[in-house]
Amino acid sequence: MEIDILDFVEQCRDLAKQALGKHAGEPAVGGLARWVHVVLHCFRLEEGHSYRETPNRLKYMSEVRDVLDLDQDELPDYSTICKSFDRLKMWVWRALLRVSAQQHPQSGHVALDSTFFDRRAASSYYRQRSGNSVQTLKVTTLTDVESLAVLDVHISDRWKHDTKTGPQVVRRNADDLLSVAADKAFHNWHTKYEFYALGVEPLILQRGSRSLTTGNNTLIRTKGYAQRWMAETSYSTTKRSLGDAVRALGRYRQYREIVLMFAIINIEKLCEPL
């Protein structure tokens, strides 16, 4: 996605401060404010730079440094940026995802779907040493069908069944939802009853070919089930823009990287030219 990098960094700055709240100005690794580290990681992932490349690129980008309140001789070392990704907890990235999604119009109608991210880009030696034999991560998301903003993300390397992860994601966001469109993999009577109890209409197709099942599926399709494909569009945008593999080594780093990727896509949409 073609965007203006300065506009992107400014958006990241404003949203990072909003996500961190009273903790935004607290010093983190290297004495820099926490919001600066959050923006540095957004910039690093958006541009596809390594930790070593990030401070070198910033040396020649004075306008970006001005947004970050950094002088050329105050740029953090690459090891400082790396350590901050370890020390910033998952709630920081989830908060950034949430506030980035809130900048888009919320219809209340969402698509629930799953995709996979490759973790084989990480060192095979590290994966063997750490016992990470699973080569892909399963990611379940809630995507607003009108704005295509990703509202929430669930990540697992154990490939839990969709009927387990789906309700968990919907439950966290039920107060803001009107309907959820999902394919047959998410169908479960317990799941549908729970959605109804939460006040969310489940647009989930049933398995089977009986006349009652066929009629029910036809009714669901007329209510907006076709919008489920918006989740696929969101996945395509994310993987074309940021790639379909995680580069981090540790499991907790990979989880944070995926949440950050979807937050970046939400922010990119804010920077699109009108």
Protein backbone atom coordinates (compact mmCIF):
# COMPACT_ATOMS: atom_id res chain seq x y z
CA MET A 1 0.00 0.00 0.00
CA GLU A 2 1.50 3.32 -1.10
CA ILE A 3 1.39 5.88 1.71
CA ASP A 4 3.26 8.99 2.78
CA ILE A 5 5.73 7.82 5.43
CA LEU A 6 5.69 11.14 7.30
CA ASP A 7 1.90 11.07 7.53
CA PHE A 8 2.12 7.46 8.71
CA VAL A 9 4.61 8.30 11.48
CA GLU A 10 2.48 11.23 12.65
CA GLN A 11 -0.58 8.99 12.82
CA CYS A 12 1.42 6.39 14.76
CA ARG A 13 2.60 9.06 17.20
CA ASP A 14 -0.92 10.27 17.96
CA LEU A 15 -2.36 6.76 18.29
CA ALA A 16 0.56 5.48 20.38
CA LYS A 17 0.05 8.30 22.89
CA GLN A 18 -3.67 7.55 22.97
CA ALA A 19 -3.09 3.81 23.43
CA LEU A 20 -0.54 4.24 26.21
CA GLY A 21 -2.51 6.92 28.03
CA LYS A 22 -0.77 8.12 31.18
CA HIS A 23 2.14 5.76 30.47
CA ALA A 24 3.00 7.38 27.12
CA GLY A 25 5.66 9.71 28.48
CA GLU A 26 7.23 7.25 30.90
CA PRO A 27 10.87 6.50 30.08
CA ALA A 28 11.59 3.07 28.67
CA VAL A 29 14.81 1.45 27.38
CA GLY A 30 17.50 4.01 26.59
CA GLY A 31 15.65 6.81 28.39
CA LEU A 32 13.23 7.40 25.50
CA ALA A 33 9.52 7.76 26.12
CA ARG A 34 7.44 4.66 25.56
CA TRP A 35 5.44 6.21 22.74
CA VAL A 36 8.70 6.80 20.82
CA HIS A 37 9.56 3.10 20.99
CA VAL A 38 6.07 2.14 19.80
CA VAL A 39 6.39 4.45 16.78
CA LEU A 40 9.90 3.15 16.03
CA HIS A 41 8.56 -0.39 15.80
CA CYS A 42 5.68 0.72 13.58
CA PHE A 43 8.19 2.49 11.32
CA ARG A 44 10.53 -0.52 11.32
CA LEU A 45 7.83 -2.99 10.32
CA GLU A 46 6.17 -0.67 7.80
CA GLU A 47 9.45 -0.04 5.97
CA GLY A 48 10.68 -3.63 6.32
CA HIS A 49 13.89 -2.62 8.07
CA SER A 50 15.91 -4.77 10.43
CA TYR A 51 16.78 -3.54 13.91
CA ARG A 52 20.25 -2.54 12.66
CA GLU A 53 18.88 -0.66 9.66
CA THR A 54 16.27 1.36 11.56
CA PRO A 55 18.56 3.93 13.29
CA ASN A 56 20.70 4.20 10.15
CA ARG A 57 17.67 5.11 8.04
CA LEU A 58 16.53 7.68 10.58
CA LYS A 59 19.87 9.50 10.30
CA TYR A 60 18.84 10.72 6.85
CA MET A 61 15.14 11.38 7.61
CA SER A 62 15.13 14.67 9.50
CA GLU A 63 11.37 15.22 9.23
CA VAL A 64 10.65 11.81 10.76
CA ARG A 65 13.14 12.54 13.55
CA ASP A 66 11.32 15.82 14.23
CA VAL A 67 8.05 13.91 14.72
CA LEU A 68 9.84 11.63 17.20
CA ASP A 69 11.54 14.57 18.98
CA LEU A 70 14.95 13.02 18.27
CA ASP A 71 18.19 14.73 17.29
CA GLN A 72 20.59 13.02 14.91
CA ASP A 73 23.06 12.38 17.73
CA GLU A 74 20.31 11.03 20.06
CA LEU A 75 19.19 8.10 17.93
CA PRO A 76 18.91 4.88 19.94
CA ASP A 77 21.21 1.96 19.23
CA TYR A 78 19.67 -0.99 17.39
CA SER A 79 20.05 -3.12 20.53
CA THR A 80 17.96 -0.58 22.47
CA ILE A 81 15.15 -0.86 19.92
CA CYS A 82 15.35 -4.65 20.06
CA LYS A 83 15.16 -4.72 23.86
CA SER A 84 12.15 -2.41 23.90
CA PHE A 85 10.17 -4.90 21.80
CA ASP A 86 10.86 -7.46 24.54
CA ARG A 87 9.85 -5.15 27.36
CA LEU A 88 6.70 -3.60 25.92
CA LYS A 89 3.92 -5.98 26.97
CA MET A 90 1.23 -7.41 24.73
CA TRP A 91 -1.38 -5.01 26.15
CA VAL A 92 0.48 -2.13 24.48
CA TRP A 93 0.09 -3.62 21.00
CA ARG A 94 -3.50 -4.67 21.62
CA ALA A 95 -4.29 -1.15 22.81
CA LEU A 96 -2.71 0.22 19.63
CA LEU A 97 -4.80 -2.18 17.53
CA ARG A 98 -7.95 -1.12 19.37
CA VAL A 99 -7.45 2.64 19.03
CA SER A 100 -6.39 2.29 15.38
CA ALA A 101 -9.62 0.41 14.64
CA GLN A 102 -11.69 3.03 16.47
CA GLN A 103 -10.53 5.69 14.00
CA HIS A 104 -12.62 3.96 11.31
CA PRO A 105 -16.44 3.91 11.09
CA GLN A 106 -17.85 0.99 13.09
CA SER A 107 -20.85 -0.72 11.50
CA GLY A 108 -21.30 -3.39 14.18
CA HIS A 109 -21.34 -6.06 11.45
CA VAL A 110 -18.15 -8.10 11.37
CA ALA A 111 -16.57 -11.04 9.57
CA LEU A 112 -14.99 -13.81 11.66
CA ASP A 113 -12.33 -15.84 9.90
CA SER A 114 -8.91 -17.46 10.30
CA THR A 115 -5.67 -17.32 8.34
CA PHE A 116 -2.10 -18.55 8.77
CA PHE A 117 1.28 -16.85 9.05
CA ASP A 118 4.52 -18.64 8.27
CA ARG A 119 7.09 -18.82 11.07
CA ARG A 120 9.73 -20.65 9.00
CA ALA A 121 11.38 -17.35 8.13
CA ALA A 122 12.94 -17.47 11.59
CA SER A 123 16.17 -19.40 12.07
CA SER A 124 15.58 -23.15 11.72
CA TYR A 125 18.35 -23.73 14.25
CA TYR A 126 16.56 -21.53 16.78
CA ARG A 127 13.25 -23.31 16.17
CA GLN A 128 14.83 -26.71 16.74
CA ARG A 129 16.67 -25.57 19.84
CA SER A 130 13.54 -24.02 21.36
CA GLY A 131 11.32 -26.97 20.41
CA ASN A 132 9.02 -24.95 18.13
CA SER A 133 8.10 -27.65 15.62
CA VAL A 134 4.93 -25.91 14.39
CA GLN A 135 5.77 -24.00 11.21
CA THR A 136 2.67 -21.80 10.95
CA LEU A 137 0.64 -19.68 13.35
CA LYS A 138 -3.14 -19.67 13.20
CA VAL A 139 -4.67 -16.20 13.44
CA THR A 140 -8.40 -15.55 14.00
CA THR A 141 -9.66 -12.01 13.46
CA LEU A 142 -12.76 -9.84 13.65
CA THR A 143 -13.01 -7.49 10.66
CA ASP A 144 -15.57 -4.72 10.22
CA VAL A 145 -17.28 -5.45 6.90
CA GLU A 146 -17.59 -1.79 5.89
CA SER A 147 -14.31 -0.17 6.92
CA LEU A 148 -12.21 -3.40 6.75
CA ALA A 149 -10.63 -2.39 10.07
CA VAL A 150 -9.39 -5.34 12.12
CA LEU A 151 -10.96 -5.07 15.57
CA ASP A 152 -9.39 -7.98 17.41
CA VAL A 153 -6.91 -10.82 16.90
CA HIS A 154 -6.42 -14.26 18.45
CA ILE A 155 -3.15 -16.10 17.77
CA SER A 156 -2.28 -19.73 18.45
CA ASP A 157 0.47 -22.15 17.49
CA ARG A 158 -1.61 -25.14 18.60
CA TRP A 159 -4.27 -24.71 15.89
CA LYS A 160 -7.31 -24.79 18.14
CA HIS A 161 -10.58 -25.51 16.38
CA ASP A 162 -12.49 -22.49 15.09
CA THR A 163 -15.40 -23.27 17.41
CA LYS A 164 -13.02 -22.66 20.33
CA THR A 165 -11.26 -19.49 19.17
CA GLY A 166 -14.24 -17.82 17.46
CA PRO A 167 -16.42 -17.36 20.57
CA GLN A 168 -13.43 -16.12 22.54
CA VAL A 169 -12.82 -13.27 20.08
CA VAL A 170 -16.51 -12.38 19.79
CA ARG A 171 -16.98 -12.46 23.56
CA ARG A 172 -14.32 -9.77 24.05
CA ASN A 173 -16.09 -7.42 21.62
CA ALA A 174 -19.76 -8.37 22.04
CA ASP A 175 -20.85 -4.96 23.36
CA ASP A 176 -19.97 -3.33 20.02
CA LEU A 177 -21.33 -6.02 17.66
CA LEU A 178 -24.67 -6.55 15.93
CA SER A 179 -23.90 -9.57 13.74
CA VAL A 180 -21.05 -11.97 12.99
CA ALA A 181 -20.62 -13.66 9.61
CA ALA A 182 -18.51 -16.84 9.57
CA ASP A 183 -18.14 -20.02 7.53
CA LYS A 184 -19.16 -23.55 8.47
CA ALA A 185 -15.94 -24.20 10.37
CA PHE A 186 -17.26 -21.93 13.14
CA HIS A 187 -20.66 -23.63 13.34
CA ASN A 188 -21.51 -25.10 16.71
CA TRP A 189 -24.86 -24.98 18.46
CA HIS A 190 -23.25 -23.94 21.74
CA THR A 191 -21.49 -21.12 19.89
CA LYS A 192 -24.69 -19.87 18.27
CA TYR A 193 -26.59 -19.93 21.55
CA GLU A 194 -23.81 -17.97 23.22
CA PHE A 195 -23.84 -15.37 20.44
CA TYR A 196 -27.60 -14.93 20.80
CA ALA A 197 -27.19 -14.59 24.57
CA LEU A 198 -24.64 -11.83 23.97
CA GLY A 199 -27.06 -9.99 21.68
CA VAL A 200 -25.06 -10.77 18.53
CA GLU A 201 -26.75 -12.36 15.52
CA PRO A 202 -24.68 -15.31 14.18
CA LEU A 203 -24.64 -15.47 10.38
CA ILE A 204 -22.98 -18.88 10.31
CA LEU A 205 -23.82 -21.55 7.76
CA GLN A 206 -24.71 -25.05 8.95
CA ARG A 207 -23.33 -28.31 7.65
CA GLY A 208 -25.66 -30.77 5.97
CA SER A 209 -28.02 -31.07 3.02
CA ARG A 210 -31.41 -31.54 4.70
CA SER A 211 -34.17 -29.26 3.50
CA LEU A 212 -34.34 -27.48 6.87
CA THR A 213 -30.57 -26.86 6.85
CA THR A 214 -30.62 -25.68 3.24
CA GLY A 215 -33.48 -23.28 3.93
CA ASN A 216 -31.75 -21.89 7.00
CA ASN A 217 -28.51 -21.34 5.03
CA THR A 218 -30.45 -19.54 2.31
CA LEU A 219 -31.98 -17.22 4.91
CA ILE A 220 -28.54 -16.51 6.40
CA ARG A 221 -27.15 -15.61 2.95
CA THR A 222 -29.91 -13.02 2.48
CA LYS A 223 -28.98 -11.34 5.77
CA GLY A 224 -25.44 -10.42 4.74
CA TYR A 225 -23.41 -13.62 4.96
CA ALA A 226 -21.60 -12.68 1.72
CA GLN A 227 -19.81 -9.91 3.62
CA ARG A 228 -17.71 -12.62 5.27
CA TRP A 229 -15.30 -12.32 2.34
CA MET A 230 -14.23 -8.92 3.66
CA ALA A 231 -11.99 -10.78 6.09
CA GLU A 232 -10.21 -12.41 3.14
CA THR A 233 -9.71 -8.97 1.60
CA SER A 234 -8.17 -7.75 4.86
CA TYR A 235 -5.79 -10.73 4.95
CA SER A 236 -4.77 -10.16 1.34
CA THR A 237 -4.02 -6.48 2.05
CA THR A 238 -1.96 -7.32 5.13
CA LYS A 239 0.12 -10.03 3.48
CA ARG A 240 0.77 -8.02 0.32
CA SER A 241 1.84 -5.00 2.34
CA LEU A 242 3.79 -6.59 5.21
CA GLY A 243 4.35 -10.19 4.12
CA ASP A 244 2.87 -13.52 5.13
CA ALA A 245 5.66 -14.54 7.52
CA VAL A 246 6.84 -13.37 10.92
CA ARG A 247 10.51 -12.54 11.32
CA ALA A 248 10.73 -12.58 15.11
CA LEU A 249 12.29 -15.63 16.77
CA GLY A 250 10.56 -16.09 20.12
CA ARG A 251 6.92 -17.12 20.32
CA TYR A 252 5.90 -14.08 22.38
CA ARG A 253 7.69 -11.82 19.88
CA GLN A 254 5.86 -13.45 16.98
CA TYR A 255 2.48 -12.92 18.67
CA ARG A 256 3.25 -9.24 19.25
CA GLU A 257 4.49 -8.82 15.70
CA ILE A 258 1.24 -10.15 14.23
CA VAL A 259 -0.91 -7.85 16.37
CA LEU A 260 1.32 -4.94 15.34
CA MET A 261 0.97 -5.89 11.66
CA PHE A 262 -2.82 -5.61 11.79
CA ALA A 263 -2.58 -2.33 13.71
CA ILE A 264 -0.26 -0.97 11.00
CA ILE A 265 -2.76 -1.92 8.28
CA ASN A 266 -5.48 -0.03 10.19
CA ILE A 267 -3.16 2.99 10.36
CA GLU A 268 -2.25 2.70 6.68
CA LYS A 269 -5.93 3.03 5.79
CA LEU A 270 -6.00 6.35 7.64
CA CYS A 271 -3.12 7.58 5.46
CA GLU A 272 -4.65 6.63 2.12
CA PRO A 273 -5.08 9.61 -0.23
CA LEU A 274 -8.69 10.74 -0.64
